Amino acid sequence: MDSAILSLLGAFLLSIIGLFVFIWSLRKGLLMENPKAAATIFARGEVGKADDPALGEQAQGRFPQAVSAAHGEGEGEAEDPQ
């Protein structure tokens, strides 16, 4: 047989074995993530706060107004959803 055919056959068999290992690990729960991990992206009260050090104080003061205008809340401070 040609070496290209052997390498393609080997790659196919390796992918099938990998697929079965992946399915087995899903059934055993080895790849389960902590559902609370997504909740730790933002600390309480952090949503909507500008933390870009490149922004000046004036730009950071305009950030809540820009967020509220983008969400259609009208003028004024953006409300904290928590």
N, C-alpha and C. Protein backbone atom coordinates (compact mmCIF):
# COMPACT_ATOMS: atom_id res chain seq x y z
N MET A 1 0.83 -1.18 0.00
CA MET A 1 0.00 0.00 0.00
C MET A 1 0.88 1.24 0.00
N ASP A 2 0.29 2.28 -0.48
CA ASP A 2 0.98 3.56 -0.54
C ASP A 2 1.07 4.17 0.87
N SER A 3 2.11 4.93 1.14
CA SER A 3 2.28 5.51 2.47
C SER A 3 1.19 6.55 2.76
N ALA A 4 0.68 7.22 1.73
CA ALA A 4 -0.39 8.20 1.94
C ALA A 4 -1.66 7.51 2.42
N ILE A 5 -1.96 6.37 1.84
CA ILE A 5 -3.16 5.62 2.25
C ILE A 5 -3.01 5.12 3.68
N LEU A 6 -1.82 4.63 4.02
CA LEU A 6 -1.59 4.16 5.39
C LEU A 6 -1.69 5.31 6.40
N SER A 7 -1.16 6.45 6.06
CA SER A 7 -1.25 7.57 7.00
C SER A 7 -2.68 8.06 7.14
N LEU A 8 -3.45 8.08 6.06
CA LEU A 8 -4.86 8.47 6.14
C LEU A 8 -5.66 7.46 6.95
N LEU A 9 -5.39 6.19 6.75
CA LEU A 9 -6.07 5.15 7.53
C LEU A 9 -5.72 5.27 9.01
N GLY A 10 -4.46 5.52 9.30
CA GLY A 10 -4.04 5.69 10.69
C GLY A 10 -4.70 6.90 11.34
N ALA A 11 -4.78 8.00 10.59
CA ALA A 11 -5.43 9.20 11.13
C ALA A 11 -6.91 8.96 11.37
N PHE A 12 -7.55 8.22 10.47
CA PHE A 12 -8.97 7.91 10.64
C PHE A 12 -9.19 7.04 11.88
N LEU A 13 -8.38 6.00 12.03
CA LEU A 13 -8.53 5.12 13.19
C LEU A 13 -8.24 5.88 14.49
N LEU A 14 -7.25 6.74 14.48
CA LEU A 14 -6.94 7.53 15.66
C LEU A 14 -8.09 8.47 16.02
N SER A 15 -8.73 9.05 15.01
CA SER A 15 -9.86 9.95 15.28
C SER A 15 -11.06 9.18 15.82
N ILE A 16 -11.29 7.98 15.33
CA ILE A 16 -12.40 7.15 15.85
C ILE A 16 -12.13 6.76 17.30
N ILE A 17 -10.89 6.39 17.60
CA ILE A 17 -10.55 6.06 18.99
C ILE A 17 -10.72 7.28 19.87
N GLY A 18 -10.28 8.44 19.39
CA GLY A 18 -10.44 9.67 20.15
C GLY A 18 -11.90 10.01 20.38
N LEU A 19 -12.75 9.75 19.39
CA LEU A 19 -14.18 10.00 19.54
C LEU A 19 -14.77 9.13 20.64
N PHE A 20 -14.40 7.85 20.65
CA PHE A 20 -14.93 6.96 21.68
C PHE A 20 -14.41 7.34 23.07
N VAL A 21 -13.16 7.77 23.17
CA VAL A 21 -12.63 8.23 24.46
C VAL A 21 -13.37 9.47 24.92
N PHE A 22 -13.66 10.38 23.99
CA PHE A 22 -14.40 11.59 24.33
C PHE A 22 -15.81 11.26 24.82
N ILE A 23 -16.51 10.36 24.14
CA ILE A 23 -17.86 9.96 24.55
C ILE A 23 -17.81 9.27 25.92
N TRP A 24 -16.81 8.43 26.13
CA TRP A 24 -16.66 7.76 27.42
C TRP A 24 -16.44 8.77 28.54
N SER A 25 -15.59 9.78 28.29
CA SER A 25 -15.32 10.77 29.33
C SER A 25 -16.55 11.62 29.62
N LEU A 26 -17.38 11.89 28.61
CA LEU A 26 -18.63 12.61 28.85
C LEU A 26 -19.58 11.79 29.72
N ARG A 27 -19.66 10.50 29.44
CA ARG A 27 -20.55 9.64 30.21
C ARG A 27 -20.09 9.48 31.65
N LYS A 28 -18.78 9.50 31.87
CA LYS A 28 -18.23 9.38 33.22
C LYS A 28 -18.26 10.71 33.97
N GLY A 29 -18.54 11.80 33.26
CA GLY A 29 -18.59 13.11 33.90
C GLY A 29 -17.22 13.73 34.12
N LEU A 30 -16.23 13.31 33.35
CA LEU A 30 -14.88 13.84 33.54
C LEU A 30 -14.73 15.26 33.00
N LEU A 31 -15.60 15.68 32.12
CA LEU A 31 -15.49 17.01 31.52
C LEU A 31 -16.53 17.98 32.06
N MET A 32 -17.15 17.64 33.16
CA MET A 32 -18.17 18.53 33.71
C MET A 32 -17.51 19.75 34.33
N GLU A 33 -18.03 20.91 34.01
CA GLU A 33 -17.50 22.16 34.54
C GLU A 33 -18.36 22.60 35.73
N ASN A 34 -17.80 23.42 36.54
CA ASN A 34 -18.52 23.97 37.68
C ASN A 34 -19.50 25.02 37.17
N PRO A 35 -20.81 24.84 37.34
CA PRO A 35 -21.76 25.83 36.83
C PRO A 35 -21.66 27.17 37.54
N LYS A 36 -21.10 27.21 38.73
CA LYS A 36 -20.94 28.47 39.44
C LYS A 36 -19.73 29.27 38.94
N ALA A 37 -18.90 28.66 38.10
CA ALA A 37 -17.71 29.34 37.63
C ALA A 37 -18.06 30.55 36.77
N ALA A 38 -19.15 30.47 36.03
CA ALA A 38 -19.54 31.60 35.19
C ALA A 38 -20.02 32.78 36.03
N ALA A 39 -20.46 32.55 37.22
CA ALA A 39 -20.94 33.63 38.07
C ALA A 39 -19.80 34.43 38.69
N THR A 40 -18.59 33.93 38.60
CA THR A 40 -17.47 34.64 39.21
C THR A 40 -16.75 35.57 38.25
N ILE A 41 -17.29 35.77 37.06
CA ILE A 41 -16.66 36.68 36.10
C ILE A 41 -16.73 38.10 36.63
N PHE A 42 -17.86 38.49 37.14
CA PHE A 42 -18.04 39.83 37.70
C PHE A 42 -18.32 39.73 39.19
N ALA A 43 -17.69 40.59 39.95
CA ALA A 43 -17.99 40.67 41.38
C ALA A 43 -19.31 41.42 41.55
N ARG A 44 -19.92 41.29 42.72
CA ARG A 44 -21.19 41.97 42.98
C ARG A 44 -21.00 43.48 42.85
N GLY A 45 -21.85 44.10 42.05
CA GLY A 45 -21.79 45.54 41.86
C GLY A 45 -20.78 46.01 40.82
N GLU A 46 -20.11 45.07 40.17
CA GLU A 46 -19.08 45.45 39.21
C GLU A 46 -19.63 45.68 37.80
N VAL A 47 -20.79 45.15 37.50
CA VAL A 47 -21.36 45.26 36.16
C VAL A 47 -21.66 46.72 35.85
N GLY A 48 -21.19 47.17 34.71
CA GLY A 48 -21.44 48.54 34.29
C GLY A 48 -20.42 49.55 34.77
N LYS A 49 -19.40 49.09 35.46
CA LYS A 49 -18.37 50.00 35.95
C LYS A 49 -17.20 50.00 34.97
N ALA A 50 -16.68 51.19 34.67
CA ALA A 50 -15.52 51.31 33.78
C ALA A 50 -14.26 51.04 34.59
N ASP A 51 -13.43 50.14 34.09
CA ASP A 51 -12.18 49.88 34.78
C ASP A 51 -10.99 49.98 33.83
N ASP A 52 -11.16 50.74 32.76
CA ASP A 52 -10.10 50.92 31.78
C ASP A 52 -9.16 52.01 32.28
N PRO A 53 -7.91 51.67 32.60
CA PRO A 53 -7.01 52.69 33.12
C PRO A 53 -6.62 53.72 32.07
N ALA A 54 -6.86 53.44 30.80
CA ALA A 54 -6.53 54.39 29.75
C ALA A 54 -7.55 55.52 29.68
N LEU A 55 -8.74 55.32 30.25
CA LEU A 55 -9.75 56.37 30.25
C LEU A 55 -9.45 57.40 31.33
N GLY A 56 -9.66 58.64 31.00
CA GLY A 56 -9.53 59.69 32.00
C GLY A 56 -10.74 59.72 32.90
N GLU A 57 -10.71 60.57 33.92
CA GLU A 57 -11.83 60.65 34.85
C GLU A 57 -13.10 61.13 34.16
N GLN A 58 -12.94 62.05 33.21
CA GLN A 58 -14.12 62.57 32.50
C GLN A 58 -14.75 61.47 31.65
N ALA A 59 -13.93 60.67 30.97
CA ALA A 59 -14.46 59.58 30.14
C ALA A 59 -15.10 58.50 31.00
N GLN A 60 -14.51 58.22 32.17
CA GLN A 60 -15.11 57.23 33.06
C GLN A 60 -16.44 57.72 33.61
N GLY A 61 -16.59 59.02 33.78
CA GLY A 61 -17.86 59.58 34.24
C GLY A 61 -18.94 59.49 33.18
N ARG A 62 -18.55 59.52 31.90
CA ARG A 62 -19.53 59.42 30.82
C ARG A 62 -19.92 57.98 30.52
N PHE A 63 -19.17 57.01 31.02
CA PHE A 63 -19.42 55.61 30.69
C PHE A 63 -20.81 55.14 31.12
N PRO A 64 -21.28 55.39 32.35
CA PRO A 64 -22.63 54.93 32.73
C PRO A 64 -23.72 55.55 31.87
N GLN A 65 -23.54 56.79 31.45
CA GLN A 65 -24.54 57.43 30.60
C GLN A 65 -24.55 56.78 29.22
N ALA A 66 -23.38 56.41 28.71
CA ALA A 66 -23.32 55.75 27.42
C ALA A 66 -23.96 54.37 27.48
N VAL A 67 -23.76 53.67 28.58
CA VAL A 67 -24.37 52.34 28.74
C VAL A 67 -25.88 52.46 28.82
N SER A 68 -26.37 53.42 29.59
CA SER A 68 -27.82 53.56 29.73
C SER A 68 -28.45 54.01 28.41
N ALA A 69 -27.76 54.84 27.64
CA ALA A 69 -28.28 55.25 26.34
C ALA A 69 -28.30 54.08 25.37
N ALA A 70 -27.30 53.22 25.45
CA ALA A 70 -27.24 52.06 24.55
C ALA A 70 -28.34 51.06 24.87
N HIS A 71 -28.75 51.00 26.14
CA HIS A 71 -29.80 50.06 26.54
C HIS A 71 -31.18 50.69 26.54
N GLY A 72 -31.27 51.94 26.10
CA GLY A 72 -32.56 52.60 26.00
C GLY A 72 -33.16 53.01 27.33
N GLU A 73 -32.33 53.25 28.33
CA GLU A 73 -32.84 53.62 29.64
C GLU A 73 -33.01 55.12 29.78
N GLY A 74 -32.66 55.86 28.75
CA GLY A 74 -32.79 57.31 28.83
C GLY A 74 -31.56 57.94 29.43
N GLU A 75 -31.70 59.16 29.91
CA GLU A 75 -30.57 59.90 30.48
C GLU A 75 -30.34 59.48 31.92
N GLY A 76 -29.16 59.76 32.42
CA GLY A 76 -28.88 59.52 33.83
C GLY A 76 -27.95 58.35 34.03
N GLU A 77 -27.82 57.98 35.27
CA GLU A 77 -26.93 56.91 35.65
C GLU A 77 -27.50 55.56 35.25
N ALA A 78 -26.61 54.64 34.91
CA ALA A 78 -27.04 53.28 34.61
C ALA A 78 -27.34 52.58 35.93
N GLU A 79 -28.40 51.80 35.94
CA GLU A 79 -28.78 51.09 37.16
C GLU A 79 -28.02 49.80 37.25
N ASP A 80 -27.64 49.43 38.45
CA ASP A 80 -26.97 48.17 38.70
C ASP A 80 -28.02 47.08 38.74
N PRO A 81 -27.93 46.04 37.87
CA PRO A 81 -28.98 45.03 37.81
C PRO A 81 -29.03 44.12 39.02
N GLN A 82 -28.06 44.19 39.92
CA GLN A 82 -28.06 43.27 41.06
C GLN A 82 -28.67 43.89 42.26
